Amino acid sequence: TEIYTEQIVGSVRCVQETGITEEKFSQVAEIGLRQESDKKVFEQLIYVDNFLVFKKLMLKRNKELELEVIKASQEQEKVKSVSYTHLRAHETPEHLVCRLLLEKKK
C-alpha cells in the first residue's frame, strides 16, 4: 500500500510538473472515473491532490498564526512599566481608602 501511495503522489507531482491545466486534468479524470478499470486510480489521484492542497493551506495558516504570535509578543514588549509613584498619582478616592485599609491591616 505504501508503494502504491508513493506512486500516486509521484503521479500527482508529475501531472503538476508537466504543466497540465486543472481543466484538462478534470476532463481526463471525469472520463477515468466513469471507466471501472481506471476509477480507483483517478479517485486516488484526486484524494492525494486534495490532501496536498489541504496541507499547503494548513502550512500557510500556521505561518500566519506564528506571525500573529510574534506581533502580539512584540506589542506586549512595548508596554511600559510605570512606577508606584505614577500609579499613586492616578489614585481615586476609592482606591486610596482601600490602600489605607490594607496598609492598616499590616
N, C-alpha and C. Protein backbone atom coordinates (compact mmCIF):
# COMPACT_ATOMS: atom_id res chain seq x y z
N THR A 1 0.82 -1.19 0.00
CA THR A 1 0.00 0.00 0.00
C THR A 1 0.87 1.25 0.00
N GLU A 2 1.97 1.26 0.77
CA GLU A 2 2.85 2.42 0.80
C GLU A 2 3.46 2.68 -0.57
N ILE A 3 3.85 1.62 -1.26
CA ILE A 3 4.43 1.77 -2.60
C ILE A 3 3.38 2.36 -3.53
N TYR A 4 2.14 1.87 -3.42
CA TYR A 4 1.05 2.38 -4.26
C TYR A 4 0.82 3.86 -3.97
N THR A 5 0.80 4.24 -2.69
CA THR A 5 0.60 5.64 -2.30
C THR A 5 1.74 6.50 -2.84
N GLU A 6 2.96 6.03 -2.73
CA GLU A 6 4.10 6.78 -3.26
C GLU A 6 3.98 6.96 -4.77
N GLN A 7 3.49 5.94 -5.46
CA GLN A 7 3.30 6.05 -6.90
C GLN A 7 2.23 7.10 -7.23
N ILE A 8 1.17 7.11 -6.45
CA ILE A 8 0.09 8.10 -6.67
C ILE A 8 0.61 9.51 -6.42
N VAL A 9 1.34 9.69 -5.30
CA VAL A 9 1.92 11.01 -5.00
C VAL A 9 2.86 11.43 -6.13
N GLY A 10 3.67 10.50 -6.59
CA GLY A 10 4.57 10.77 -7.71
C GLY A 10 3.80 11.16 -8.96
N SER A 11 2.67 10.50 -9.19
CA SER A 11 1.84 10.82 -10.36
C SER A 11 1.28 12.23 -10.27
N VAL A 12 0.82 12.61 -9.08
CA VAL A 12 0.29 13.97 -8.91
C VAL A 12 1.39 14.99 -9.16
N ARG A 13 2.56 14.76 -8.60
CA ARG A 13 3.68 15.69 -8.82
C ARG A 13 4.03 15.76 -10.31
N CYS A 14 4.02 14.61 -10.95
CA CYS A 14 4.34 14.56 -12.37
C CYS A 14 3.32 15.38 -13.17
N VAL A 15 2.05 15.23 -12.83
CA VAL A 15 1.00 15.99 -13.51
C VAL A 15 1.21 17.48 -13.28
N GLN A 16 1.57 17.87 -12.06
CA GLN A 16 1.80 19.27 -11.75
C GLN A 16 3.00 19.81 -12.51
N GLU A 17 4.05 19.01 -12.62
CA GLU A 17 5.28 19.46 -13.26
C GLU A 17 5.15 19.53 -14.78
N THR A 18 4.26 18.75 -15.38
CA THR A 18 4.13 18.74 -16.83
C THR A 18 3.36 19.93 -17.35
N GLY A 19 2.74 20.67 -16.45
CA GLY A 19 2.00 21.85 -16.88
C GLY A 19 0.59 21.54 -17.36
N ILE A 20 0.09 20.37 -17.05
CA ILE A 20 -1.29 20.04 -17.41
C ILE A 20 -2.21 20.93 -16.58
N THR A 21 -3.11 21.60 -17.24
CA THR A 21 -4.01 22.51 -16.54
C THR A 21 -5.01 21.73 -15.71
N GLU A 22 -5.57 22.40 -14.70
CA GLU A 22 -6.59 21.76 -13.87
C GLU A 22 -7.79 21.37 -14.71
N GLU A 23 -8.12 22.22 -15.68
CA GLU A 23 -9.27 21.94 -16.54
C GLU A 23 -9.05 20.66 -17.34
N LYS A 24 -7.88 20.52 -17.93
CA LYS A 24 -7.57 19.33 -18.72
C LYS A 24 -7.55 18.09 -17.81
N PHE A 25 -6.94 18.22 -16.63
CA PHE A 25 -6.90 17.11 -15.69
C PHE A 25 -8.32 16.71 -15.29
N SER A 26 -9.19 17.70 -15.05
CA SER A 26 -10.58 17.42 -14.66
C SER A 26 -11.30 16.66 -15.77
N GLN A 27 -11.07 17.08 -17.01
CA GLN A 27 -11.71 16.40 -18.14
C GLN A 27 -11.28 14.93 -18.20
N VAL A 28 -9.98 14.70 -18.09
CA VAL A 28 -9.46 13.33 -18.14
C VAL A 28 -9.94 12.53 -16.93
N ALA A 29 -9.95 13.16 -15.76
CA ALA A 29 -10.38 12.48 -14.55
C ALA A 29 -11.85 12.07 -14.64
N GLU A 30 -12.69 12.93 -15.21
CA GLU A 30 -14.10 12.59 -15.37
C GLU A 30 -14.26 11.33 -16.23
N ILE A 31 -13.50 11.27 -17.30
CA ILE A 31 -13.55 10.09 -18.17
C ILE A 31 -13.04 8.87 -17.41
N GLY A 32 -11.92 9.04 -16.71
CA GLY A 32 -11.33 7.94 -15.94
C GLY A 32 -12.23 7.44 -14.83
N LEU A 33 -12.95 8.35 -14.19
CA LEU A 33 -13.85 7.95 -13.10
C LEU A 33 -15.05 7.16 -13.61
N ARG A 34 -15.41 7.36 -14.86
CA ARG A 34 -16.53 6.62 -15.45
C ARG A 34 -16.12 5.21 -15.88
N GLN A 35 -14.85 5.00 -16.09
CA GLN A 35 -14.38 3.68 -16.54
C GLN A 35 -13.95 2.88 -15.32
N GLU A 36 -14.58 1.76 -15.14
CA GLU A 36 -14.34 0.94 -13.96
C GLU A 36 -12.86 0.57 -13.80
N SER A 37 -12.17 0.32 -14.91
CA SER A 37 -10.77 -0.10 -14.83
C SER A 37 -9.85 1.03 -14.35
N ASP A 38 -10.23 2.28 -14.57
CA ASP A 38 -9.38 3.43 -14.19
C ASP A 38 -9.91 4.18 -12.97
N LYS A 39 -11.11 3.85 -12.54
CA LYS A 39 -11.78 4.61 -11.48
C LYS A 39 -10.94 4.72 -10.21
N LYS A 40 -10.42 3.60 -9.71
CA LYS A 40 -9.66 3.60 -8.45
C LYS A 40 -8.42 4.50 -8.56
N VAL A 41 -7.74 4.44 -9.69
CA VAL A 41 -6.53 5.27 -9.87
C VAL A 41 -6.88 6.75 -9.82
N PHE A 42 -7.93 7.15 -10.53
CA PHE A 42 -8.31 8.56 -10.54
C PHE A 42 -8.85 9.02 -9.19
N GLU A 43 -9.55 8.15 -8.48
CA GLU A 43 -10.00 8.50 -7.13
C GLU A 43 -8.80 8.78 -6.23
N GLN A 44 -7.79 7.92 -6.32
CA GLN A 44 -6.58 8.11 -5.51
C GLN A 44 -5.86 9.41 -5.89
N LEU A 45 -5.79 9.70 -7.19
CA LEU A 45 -5.16 10.94 -7.64
C LEU A 45 -5.88 12.16 -7.06
N ILE A 46 -7.19 12.11 -7.06
CA ILE A 46 -7.98 13.23 -6.54
C ILE A 46 -7.79 13.36 -5.03
N TYR A 47 -7.79 12.22 -4.31
CA TYR A 47 -7.59 12.26 -2.86
C TYR A 47 -6.23 12.86 -2.52
N VAL A 48 -5.20 12.42 -3.22
CA VAL A 48 -3.85 12.92 -2.94
C VAL A 48 -3.76 14.40 -3.28
N ASP A 49 -4.33 14.80 -4.40
CA ASP A 49 -4.30 16.21 -4.79
C ASP A 49 -5.01 17.06 -3.75
N ASN A 50 -6.18 16.59 -3.28
CA ASN A 50 -6.91 17.32 -2.24
C ASN A 50 -6.08 17.41 -0.95
N PHE A 51 -5.41 16.31 -0.61
CA PHE A 51 -4.58 16.32 0.59
C PHE A 51 -3.44 17.32 0.45
N LEU A 52 -2.79 17.34 -0.72
CA LEU A 52 -1.66 18.26 -0.93
C LEU A 52 -2.12 19.71 -0.86
N VAL A 53 -3.30 19.98 -1.41
CA VAL A 53 -3.86 21.34 -1.33
C VAL A 53 -4.16 21.67 0.13
N PHE A 54 -4.78 20.74 0.85
CA PHE A 54 -5.10 20.93 2.27
C PHE A 54 -3.82 21.19 3.07
N LYS A 55 -2.80 20.37 2.81
CA LYS A 55 -1.54 20.52 3.53
C LYS A 55 -0.93 21.90 3.27
N LYS A 56 -0.96 22.33 2.03
CA LYS A 56 -0.41 23.64 1.67
C LYS A 56 -1.17 24.76 2.39
N LEU A 57 -2.51 24.65 2.43
CA LEU A 57 -3.31 25.65 3.13
C LEU A 57 -3.01 25.67 4.63
N MET A 58 -2.85 24.49 5.24
CA MET A 58 -2.56 24.41 6.66
C MET A 58 -1.18 24.98 6.99
N LEU A 59 -0.20 24.72 6.13
CA LEU A 59 1.13 25.29 6.35
C LEU A 59 1.09 26.81 6.27
N LYS A 60 0.33 27.31 5.30
CA LYS A 60 0.19 28.76 5.15
C LYS A 60 -0.47 29.36 6.40
N ARG A 61 -1.54 28.71 6.87
CA ARG A 61 -2.25 29.22 8.06
C ARG A 61 -1.36 29.16 9.30
N ASN A 62 -0.57 28.10 9.43
CA ASN A 62 0.35 28.01 10.56
C ASN A 62 1.35 29.16 10.55
N LYS A 63 1.86 29.51 9.38
CA LYS A 63 2.79 30.64 9.28
C LYS A 63 2.10 31.94 9.66
N GLU A 64 0.84 32.11 9.22
CA GLU A 64 0.09 33.31 9.59
C GLU A 64 -0.10 33.39 11.10
N LEU A 65 -0.42 32.25 11.72
CA LEU A 65 -0.60 32.24 13.18
C LEU A 65 0.71 32.54 13.90
N GLU A 66 1.81 32.01 13.40
CA GLU A 66 3.12 32.30 14.01
C GLU A 66 3.42 33.79 13.94
N LEU A 67 3.11 34.43 12.80
CA LEU A 67 3.32 35.87 12.67
C LEU A 67 2.44 36.65 13.64
N GLU A 68 1.21 36.20 13.81
CA GLU A 68 0.32 36.86 14.77
C GLU A 68 0.88 36.77 16.19
N VAL A 69 1.41 35.62 16.55
CA VAL A 69 2.00 35.44 17.88
C VAL A 69 3.21 36.35 18.04
N ILE A 70 4.04 36.42 17.02
CA ILE A 70 5.23 37.29 17.09
C ILE A 70 4.81 38.74 17.24
N LYS A 71 3.81 39.17 16.47
CA LYS A 71 3.32 40.56 16.59
C LYS A 71 2.78 40.83 17.99
N ALA A 72 2.00 39.89 18.51
CA ALA A 72 1.41 40.07 19.84
C ALA A 72 2.49 40.16 20.90
N SER A 73 3.52 39.32 20.79
CA SER A 73 4.60 39.37 21.79
C SER A 73 5.39 40.66 21.67
N GLN A 74 5.56 41.16 20.45
CA GLN A 74 6.25 42.43 20.27
C GLN A 74 5.43 43.57 20.85
N GLU A 75 4.10 43.51 20.70
CA GLU A 75 3.23 44.53 21.27
C GLU A 75 3.32 44.51 22.81
N GLN A 76 3.40 43.32 23.38
CA GLN A 76 3.50 43.22 24.83
C GLN A 76 4.81 43.80 25.33
N GLU A 77 5.86 43.64 24.54
CA GLU A 77 7.15 44.19 24.94
C GLU A 77 7.13 45.72 24.94
N LYS A 78 6.23 46.30 24.12
CA LYS A 78 6.13 47.76 24.04
C LYS A 78 5.47 48.36 25.28
N VAL A 79 4.70 47.54 26.01
CA VAL A 79 4.02 48.02 27.20
C VAL A 79 5.08 48.42 28.21
N LYS A 80 4.98 49.65 28.66
CA LYS A 80 5.99 50.17 29.60
C LYS A 80 5.51 49.98 31.03
N SER A 81 6.43 49.69 31.88
CA SER A 81 6.07 49.61 33.29
C SER A 81 6.08 51.02 33.86
N VAL A 82 5.25 51.21 34.86
CA VAL A 82 5.18 52.54 35.49
C VAL A 82 5.54 52.39 36.97
N SER A 83 5.96 53.47 37.52
CA SER A 83 6.39 53.45 38.91
C SER A 83 5.19 53.47 39.86
N TYR A 84 5.47 53.09 41.09
CA TYR A 84 4.44 53.13 42.12
C TYR A 84 3.96 54.56 42.32
N THR A 85 4.86 55.51 42.24
CA THR A 85 4.51 56.94 42.39
C THR A 85 3.54 57.36 41.29
N HIS A 86 3.80 56.89 40.07
CA HIS A 86 2.92 57.22 38.95
C HIS A 86 1.51 56.65 39.20
N LEU A 87 1.44 55.43 39.68
CA LEU A 87 0.14 54.83 39.98
C LEU A 87 -0.58 55.61 41.08
N ARG A 88 0.16 56.02 42.09
CA ARG A 88 -0.45 56.79 43.19
C ARG A 88 -0.99 58.12 42.70
N ALA A 89 -0.35 58.70 41.69
CA ALA A 89 -0.80 59.99 41.16
C ALA A 89 -2.18 59.87 40.52
N HIS A 90 -2.54 58.69 40.05
CA HIS A 90 -3.83 58.47 39.40
C HIS A 90 -4.82 57.75 40.32
N GLU A 91 -4.51 57.72 41.58
CA GLU A 91 -5.34 57.02 42.55
C GLU A 91 -6.66 57.76 42.78
N THR A 92 -7.75 57.03 42.75
CA THR A 92 -9.06 57.63 43.04
C THR A 92 -9.29 57.58 44.54
N PRO A 93 -10.27 58.34 45.03
CA PRO A 93 -10.56 58.30 46.46
C PRO A 93 -10.90 56.88 46.95
N GLU A 94 -11.61 56.11 46.10
CA GLU A 94 -11.96 54.74 46.48
C GLU A 94 -10.69 53.88 46.62
N HIS A 95 -9.77 54.04 45.66
CA HIS A 95 -8.51 53.30 45.72
C HIS A 95 -7.71 53.70 46.97
N LEU A 96 -7.73 54.98 47.28
CA LEU A 96 -6.99 55.48 48.44
C LEU A 96 -7.52 54.85 49.73
N VAL A 97 -8.83 54.78 49.86
CA VAL A 97 -9.44 54.18 51.05
C VAL A 97 -9.02 52.71 51.15
N CYS A 98 -9.12 52.00 50.04
CA CYS A 98 -8.74 50.58 50.04
C CYS A 98 -7.27 50.41 50.41
N ARG A 99 -6.41 51.25 49.84
CA ARG A 99 -4.98 51.13 50.11
C ARG A 99 -4.68 51.41 51.58
N LEU A 100 -5.32 52.44 52.10
CA LEU A 100 -5.08 52.79 53.50
C LEU A 100 -5.57 51.69 54.43
N LEU A 101 -6.73 51.09 54.11
CA LEU A 101 -7.25 49.99 54.93
C LEU A 101 -6.32 48.79 54.87
N LEU A 102 -5.78 48.49 53.69
CA LEU A 102 -4.85 47.38 53.56
C LEU A 102 -3.56 47.64 54.32
N GLU A 103 -3.08 48.88 54.26
CA GLU A 103 -1.84 49.22 54.98
C GLU A 103 -2.07 49.14 56.49
N LYS A 104 -3.27 49.52 56.94
CA LYS A 104 -3.58 49.49 58.36
C LYS A 104 -3.58 48.06 58.89
N LYS A 105 -3.99 47.08 58.06
CA LYS A 105 -4.03 45.69 58.46
C LYS A 105 -2.60 45.15 58.68
N LYS A 106 -1.64 45.70 58.02
CA LYS A 106 -0.25 45.21 58.14
C LYS A 106 0.30 45.59 59.43
